[in-house]
Amino acid sequence: MTINLENWGFELIPTVFICILFPLFLYFAGWLFITGIIGLYRMIISKNWNHTIGEVISSEIKFKEFSSNNSTSFKFVNEKLYKYQVDGTQYQSGQNLASDSLYSKEFKTMDSFPLKYGDYRTNINFIELEKEIKKIIGQKITIYYNPHKQEISCLSIGINYEIFLPIFMGLFFGTSLIYVLWDFMISPIIYF
C-alpha cells in the first residue's frame, strides 16, 4: 500500500476542518453508541436485582433543553434521593433507571434555567412535578439493588426503550462519517 498525497484535492482550510472536526464527530458518535450499549446492559442485568423497601429523603426538579425547528422545549424530571438498608448497611442513591448515572449530567438544576424562555413555574409539567414532590418525601418505595454491589440501585428495572436512541444515533452517525471519510477522502490517495 502506498500513499500519494498529490491526489489530495482539498485546500488548507478544508483539510484542517477535516482533520479536527471529523475525529470530534467520530468521538461523539462512538460515545453515543458505547454509552447506549452500557446503559442497555445495565438495564438488562437490573432485571435480576434484589429488592428492598426504602424511603424517599428528598426530591429535586431538573430540566433538559431540546431544540428543533427553531423552537425550544424542555423536559422536567423529578430526581428523587432515597435511602435503603441491606444487611445492616445504609445506602443512598438517586437513580431511577439502572442507566441513569451515564446521563445524569444532561439534566440541569432549575437555578440554571435560561431566563429568555420565561418563568418555568408556569409550565404545566413543572407544576405537576412540584405537586408530586410534596407527596413523595418520606414515602416508602421499592428499591432494586445490585446484589454484588449493594450501593448500586434503582427504582425501575427492565429496559426503557429510549436507550435505543443513542445506540442507533451513534451507529448511524459513526458509519456515515466513516463511509464519507473513506470514500471521498482516503481511498483516492491510497493505492494497494
C-alpha atoms as a PDB file:
ATOM      1  CA  MET A   1       0.000   0.000   0.000  1.00  0.00           C
ATOM      2  CA  THR A   2       1.361   3.416  -0.938  1.00  0.00           C
ATOM      3  CA  ILE A   3       0.032   6.867  -0.147  1.00  0.00           C
ATOM      4  CA  ASN A   4       0.031   9.506  -2.853  1.00  0.00           C
ATOM      5  CA  LEU A   5      -0.752  12.899  -1.287  1.00  0.00           C
ATOM      6  CA  GLU A   6      -0.693  14.536  -4.729  1.00  0.00           C
ATOM      7  CA  ASN A   7      -4.225  13.185  -5.185  1.00  0.00           C
ATOM      8  CA  TRP A   8      -5.391  15.061  -2.080  1.00  0.00           C
ATOM      9  CA  GLY A   9      -7.737  17.599  -3.641  1.00  0.00           C
ATOM     10  CA  PHE A  10      -8.581  19.768  -0.646  1.00  0.00           C
ATOM     11  CA  GLU A  11      -7.211  23.193   0.232  1.00  0.00           C
ATOM     12  CA  LEU A  12      -5.649  24.043   3.610  1.00  0.00           C
ATOM     13  CA  ILE A  13      -8.810  25.215   5.425  1.00  0.00           C
ATOM     14  CA  PRO A  14     -10.955  22.182   4.448  1.00  0.00           C
ATOM     15  CA  THR A  15      -8.023  19.913   5.358  1.00  0.00           C
ATOM     16  CA  VAL A  16      -7.752  21.454   8.834  1.00  0.00           C
ATOM     17  CA  PHE A  17     -11.540  21.218   9.159  1.00  0.00           C
ATOM     18  CA  ILE A  18     -11.444  17.528   8.180  1.00  0.00           C
ATOM     19  CA  CYS A  19      -8.505  16.688  10.454  1.00  0.00           C
ATOM     20  CA  ILE A  20     -10.024  18.368  13.527  1.00  0.00           C
ATOM     21  CA  LEU A  21     -13.788  18.022  13.228  1.00  0.00           C
ATOM     22  CA  PHE A  22     -14.020  14.510  11.811  1.00  0.00           C
ATOM     23  CA  PRO A  23     -12.290  12.957  14.833  1.00  0.00           C
ATOM     24  CA  LEU A  24     -14.518  15.003  17.174  1.00  0.00           C
ATOM     25  CA  PHE A  25     -17.676  13.865  15.378  1.00  0.00           C
ATOM     26  CA  LEU A  26     -16.447  10.266  15.376  1.00  0.00           C
ATOM     27  CA  TYR A  27     -15.699  10.532  19.087  1.00  0.00           C
ATOM     28  CA  PHE A  28     -19.219  11.838  19.761  1.00  0.00           C
ATOM     29  CA  ALA A  29     -20.803   9.070  17.652  1.00  0.00           C
ATOM     30  CA  GLY A  30     -18.704   6.479  19.482  1.00  0.00           C
ATOM     31  CA  TRP A  31     -19.651   7.984  22.848  1.00  0.00           C
ATOM     32  CA  LEU A  32     -23.363   7.786  21.973  1.00  0.00           C
ATOM     33  CA  PHE A  33     -23.061   4.179  20.832  1.00  0.00           C
ATOM     34  CA  ILE A  34     -20.940   2.948  23.747  1.00  0.00           C
ATOM     35  CA  THR A  35     -22.974   4.674  26.484  1.00  0.00           C
ATOM     36  CA  GLY A  36     -26.134   3.319  24.877  1.00  0.00           C
ATOM     37  CA  ILE A  37     -24.765  -0.240  24.898  1.00  0.00           C
ATOM     38  CA  ILE A  38     -23.565   0.101  28.519  1.00  0.00           C
ATOM     39  CA  GLY A  39     -26.938   1.546  29.545  1.00  0.00           C
ATOM     40  CA  LEU A  40     -28.785  -1.287  27.802  1.00  0.00           C
ATOM     41  CA  TYR A  41     -26.553  -3.847  29.528  1.00  0.00           C
ATOM     42  CA  ARG A  42     -27.221  -2.265  32.935  1.00  0.00           C
ATOM     43  CA  MET A  43     -30.964  -2.316  32.288  1.00  0.00           C
ATOM     44  CA  ILE A  44     -30.871  -5.983  31.265  1.00  0.00           C
ATOM     45  CA  ILE A  45     -28.944  -7.102  34.357  1.00  0.00           C
ATOM     46  CA  SER A  46     -31.167  -4.993  36.624  1.00  0.00           C
ATOM     47  CA  LYS A  47     -33.980  -7.495  35.970  1.00  0.00           C
ATOM     48  CA  ASN A  48     -32.157  -9.917  38.289  1.00  0.00           C
ATOM     49  CA  TRP A  49     -31.505  -7.467  41.119  1.00  0.00           C
ATOM     50  CA  ASN A  50     -32.847  -7.981  44.633  1.00  0.00           C
ATOM     51  CA  HIS A  51     -35.378  -5.600  46.137  1.00  0.00           C
ATOM     52  CA  THR A  52     -35.973  -3.975  49.497  1.00  0.00           C
ATOM     53  CA  ILE A  53     -38.101  -1.202  50.941  1.00  0.00           C
ATOM     54  CA  GLY A  54     -36.545   2.254  51.128  1.00  0.00           C
ATOM     55  CA  GLU A  55     -37.634   5.797  51.839  1.00  0.00           C
ATOM     56  CA  VAL A  56     -37.550   8.990  49.762  1.00  0.00           C
ATOM     57  CA  ILE A  57     -35.326  11.522  51.561  1.00  0.00           C
ATOM     58  CA  SER A  58     -35.597  14.455  49.173  1.00  0.00           C
ATOM     59  CA  SER A  59     -36.596  15.344  45.664  1.00  0.00           C
ATOM     60  CA  GLU A  60     -35.470  17.974  43.167  1.00  0.00           C
ATOM     61  CA  ILE A  61     -36.851  19.009  39.798  1.00  0.00           C
ATOM     62  CA  LYS A  62     -34.292  19.211  36.985  1.00  0.00           C
ATOM     63  CA  PHE A  63     -34.640  20.056  33.310  1.00  0.00           C
ATOM     64  CA  LYS A  64     -33.209  19.227  29.927  1.00  0.00           C
ATOM     65  CA  GLU A  65     -33.452  21.511  26.891  1.00  0.00           C
ATOM     66  CA  PHE A  66     -34.444  20.244  23.441  1.00  0.00           C
ATOM     67  CA  SER A  67     -34.157  22.387  20.298  1.00  0.00           C
ATOM     68  CA  SER A  68     -35.635  21.577  16.916  1.00  0.00           C
ATOM     69  CA  ASN A  69     -37.082  23.566  14.007  1.00  0.00           C
ATOM     70  CA  ASN A  70     -36.327  26.926  15.648  1.00  0.00           C
ATOM     71  CA  SER A  71     -38.344  26.029  18.745  1.00  0.00           C
ATOM     72  CA  THR A  72     -37.181  25.006  22.189  1.00  0.00           C
ATOM     73  CA  SER A  73     -38.913  22.646  24.587  1.00  0.00           C
ATOM     74  CA  PHE A  74     -37.999  21.342  28.000  1.00  0.00           C
ATOM     75  CA  LYS A  75     -38.261  18.019  29.755  1.00  0.00           C
ATOM     76  CA  PHE A  76     -38.669  18.251  33.519  1.00  0.00           C
ATOM     77  CA  VAL A  77     -37.837  15.278  35.745  1.00  0.00           C
ATOM     78  CA  ASN A  78     -38.260  14.635  39.421  1.00  0.00           C
ATOM     79  CA  GLU A  79     -34.916  13.388  40.725  1.00  0.00           C
ATOM     80  CA  LYS A  80     -35.507  11.520  43.963  1.00  0.00           C
ATOM     81  CA  LEU A  81     -32.857  10.852  46.578  1.00  0.00           C
ATOM     82  CA  TYR A  82     -33.729   7.760  48.584  1.00  0.00           C
ATOM     83  CA  LYS A  83     -32.169   5.636  51.307  1.00  0.00           C
ATOM     84  CA  TYR A  84     -32.311   1.916  51.857  1.00  0.00           C
ATOM     85  CA  GLN A  85     -30.680  -0.693  54.053  1.00  0.00           C
ATOM     86  CA  VAL A  86     -29.126  -4.017  53.057  1.00  0.00           C
ATOM     87  CA  ASP A  87     -27.536  -6.386  55.594  1.00  0.00           C
ATOM     88  CA  GLY A  88     -27.416  -3.652  58.232  1.00  0.00           C
ATOM     89  CA  THR A  89     -25.641  -1.126  55.979  1.00  0.00           C
ATOM     90  CA  GLN A  90     -27.393   2.078  54.929  1.00  0.00           C
ATOM     91  CA  TYR A  91     -27.109   3.319  51.338  1.00  0.00           C
ATOM     92  CA  GLN A  92     -28.351   6.333  49.363  1.00  0.00           C
ATOM     93  CA  SER A  93     -28.974   6.702  45.670  1.00  0.00           C
ATOM     94  CA  GLY A  94     -30.774   8.911  43.190  1.00  0.00           C
ATOM     95  CA  GLN A  95     -31.086   6.610  40.176  1.00  0.00           C
ATOM     96  CA  ASN A  96     -34.487   5.957  38.684  1.00  0.00           C
ATOM     97  CA  LEU A  97     -33.168   3.587  36.000  1.00  0.00           C
ATOM     98  CA  ALA A  98     -30.042   1.436  36.169  1.00  0.00           C
ATOM     99  CA  SER A  99     -28.501   3.549  33.384  1.00  0.00           C
ATOM    100  CA  ASP A 100     -29.168   6.991  34.907  1.00  0.00           C
ATOM    101  CA  SER A 101     -25.595   7.561  36.069  1.00  0.00           C
ATOM    102  CA  LEU A 102     -24.480   7.616  32.402  1.00  0.00           C
ATOM    103  CA  TYR A 103     -26.746  10.567  31.564  1.00  0.00           C
ATOM    104  CA  SER A 104     -27.017  12.446  34.868  1.00  0.00           C
ATOM    105  CA  LYS A 105     -25.090  15.488  33.604  1.00  0.00           C
ATOM    106  CA  GLU A 106     -27.630  16.095  30.830  1.00  0.00           C
ATOM    107  CA  PHE A 107     -30.183  17.378  33.349  1.00  0.00           C
ATOM    108  CA  LYS A 108     -29.544  20.741  34.986  1.00  0.00           C
ATOM    109  CA  THR A 109     -30.806  22.304  38.190  1.00  0.00           C
ATOM    110  CA  MET A 110     -33.631  24.819  37.971  1.00  0.00           C
ATOM    111  CA  ASP A 111     -31.416  27.741  39.038  1.00  0.00           C
ATOM    112  CA  SER A 112     -29.657  27.466  35.648  1.00  0.00           C
ATOM    113  CA  PHE A 113     -32.922  27.668  33.666  1.00  0.00           C
ATOM    114  CA  PRO A 114     -32.489  30.226  30.817  1.00  0.00           C
ATOM    115  CA  LEU A 115     -34.406  33.415  31.661  1.00  0.00           C
ATOM    116  CA  LYS A 116     -35.112  34.148  27.996  1.00  0.00           C
ATOM    117  CA  TYR A 117     -37.722  31.348  27.973  1.00  0.00           C
ATOM    118  CA  GLY A 118     -39.816  32.929  30.704  1.00  0.00           C
ATOM    119  CA  ASP A 119     -40.910  31.645  34.073  1.00  0.00           C
ATOM    120  CA  TYR A 120     -40.634  27.843  34.268  1.00  0.00           C
ATOM    121  CA  ARG A 121     -43.061  27.838  37.221  1.00  0.00           C
ATOM    122  CA  THR A 122     -45.947  28.375  34.788  1.00  0.00           C
ATOM    123  CA  ASN A 123     -45.111  25.207  32.796  1.00  0.00           C
ATOM    124  CA  ILE A 124     -47.788  22.544  33.359  1.00  0.00           C
ATOM    125  CA  ASN A 125     -45.226  19.716  33.626  1.00  0.00           C
ATOM    126  CA  PHE A 126     -43.259  21.641  36.245  1.00  0.00           C
ATOM    127  CA  ILE A 127     -46.417  22.365  38.271  1.00  0.00           C
ATOM    128  CA  GLU A 128     -47.382  18.663  38.265  1.00  0.00           C
ATOM    129  CA  LEU A 129     -43.901  17.604  39.395  1.00  0.00           C
ATOM    130  CA  GLU A 130     -43.930  20.215  42.149  1.00  0.00           C
ATOM    131  CA  LYS A 131     -47.210  18.790  43.476  1.00  0.00           C
ATOM    132  CA  GLU A 132     -45.711  15.294  43.359  1.00  0.00           C
ATOM    133  CA  ILE A 133     -42.686  16.345  45.440  1.00  0.00           C
ATOM    134  CA  LYS A 134     -44.865  17.306  48.391  1.00  0.00           C
ATOM    135  CA  LYS A 135     -46.464  13.851  48.406  1.00  0.00           C
ATOM    136  CA  ILE A 136     -43.424  11.625  47.990  1.00  0.00           C
ATOM    137  CA  ILE A 137     -40.930  12.867  50.608  1.00  0.00           C
ATOM    138  CA  GLY A 138     -40.918  10.319  53.417  1.00  0.00           C
ATOM    139  CA  GLN A 139     -42.838   7.816  51.294  1.00  0.00           C
ATOM    140  CA  LYS A 140     -41.849   4.131  51.410  1.00  0.00           C
ATOM    141  CA  ILE A 141     -40.811   2.807  47.997  1.00  0.00           C
ATOM    142  CA  THR A 142     -39.436  -0.399  46.500  1.00  0.00           C
ATOM    143  CA  ILE A 143     -35.714  -0.210  45.752  1.00  0.00           C
ATOM    144  CA  TYR A 144     -33.939  -2.632  43.425  1.00  0.00           C
ATOM    145  CA  TYR A 145     -30.245  -3.108  44.203  1.00  0.00           C
ATOM    146  CA  ASN A 146     -27.342  -4.988  42.709  1.00  0.00           C
ATOM    147  CA  PRO A 147     -26.680  -7.985  44.993  1.00  0.00           C
ATOM    148  CA  HIS A 148     -22.936  -7.870  44.201  1.00  0.00           C
ATOM    149  CA  LYS A 149     -22.548  -4.081  44.612  1.00  0.00           C
ATOM    150  CA  GLN A 150     -25.306  -3.132  47.008  1.00  0.00           C
ATOM    151  CA  GLU A 151     -24.573   0.596  46.731  1.00  0.00           C
ATOM    152  CA  ILE A 152     -25.874   0.487  43.128  1.00  0.00           C
ATOM    153  CA  SER A 153     -29.641   0.688  42.984  1.00  0.00           C
ATOM    154  CA  CYS A 154     -32.599   1.998  41.011  1.00  0.00           C
ATOM    155  CA  LEU A 155     -36.350   2.438  41.255  1.00  0.00           C
ATOM    156  CA  SER A 156     -37.355   0.874  37.928  1.00  0.00           C
ATOM    157  CA  ILE A 157     -35.947  -2.330  36.494  1.00  0.00           C
ATOM    158  CA  GLY A 158     -36.099  -3.600  32.959  1.00  0.00           C
ATOM    159  CA  ILE A 159     -35.496  -1.934  29.623  1.00  0.00           C
ATOM    160  CA  ASN A 160     -36.601   1.611  28.862  1.00  0.00           C
ATOM    161  CA  TYR A 161     -36.777   1.748  25.073  1.00  0.00           C
ATOM    162  CA  GLU A 162     -35.396   5.307  24.967  1.00  0.00           C
ATOM    163  CA  ILE A 163     -31.965   3.700  25.456  1.00  0.00           C
ATOM    164  CA  PHE A 164     -32.039   2.503  21.834  1.00  0.00           C
ATOM    165  CA  LEU A 165     -31.998   6.107  20.543  1.00  0.00           C
ATOM    166  CA  PRO A 166     -28.310   6.806  21.413  1.00  0.00           C
ATOM    167  CA  ILE A 167     -27.329   3.334  20.168  1.00  0.00           C
ATOM    168  CA  PHE A 168     -28.905   3.871  16.744  1.00  0.00           C
ATOM    169  CA  MET A 169     -27.790   7.515  16.508  1.00  0.00           C
ATOM    170  CA  GLY A 170     -24.188   6.583  17.333  1.00  0.00           C
ATOM    171  CA  LEU A 171     -24.243   3.693  14.897  1.00  0.00           C
ATOM    172  CA  PHE A 172     -25.811   5.780  12.107  1.00  0.00           C
ATOM    173  CA  PHE A 173     -23.547   8.827  12.529  1.00  0.00           C
ATOM    174  CA  GLY A 174     -20.420   6.726  13.048  1.00  0.00           C
ATOM    175  CA  THR A 175     -20.921   4.556   9.973  1.00  0.00           C
ATOM    176  CA  SER A 176     -21.950   7.580   7.871  1.00  0.00           C
ATOM    177  CA  LEU A 177     -18.822   9.507   8.875  1.00  0.00           C
ATOM    178  CA  ILE A 178     -16.552   6.528   8.249  1.00  0.00           C
ATOM    179  CA  TYR A 179     -18.133   5.986   4.823  1.00  0.00           C
ATOM    180  CA  VAL A 180     -17.692   9.650   3.847  1.00  0.00           C
ATOM    181  CA  LEU A 181     -14.147   9.713   5.209  1.00  0.00           C
ATOM    182  CA  TRP A 182     -13.133   6.560   3.357  1.00  0.00           C
ATOM    183  CA  ASP A 183     -14.974   7.011   0.084  1.00  0.00           C
ATOM    184  CA  PHE A 184     -14.301  10.672  -0.588  1.00  0.00           C
ATOM    185  CA  MET A 185     -11.049  11.389   1.203  1.00  0.00           C
ATOM    186  CA  ILE A 186      -8.892   8.372   1.976  1.00  0.00           C
ATOM    187  CA  SER A 187      -9.469   5.915  -0.869  1.00  0.00           C
ATOM    188  CA  PRO A 188      -8.411   8.405  -3.627  1.00  0.00           C
ATOM    189  CA  ILE A 189      -4.949   8.815  -2.072  1.00  0.00           C
ATOM    190  CA  ILE A 190      -4.228   5.109  -1.269  1.00  0.00           C
ATOM    191  CA  TYR A 191      -3.017   2.559  -3.784  1.00  0.00           C
ATOM    192  CA  PHE A 192      -2.951  -1.139  -2.968  1.00  0.00           C
END
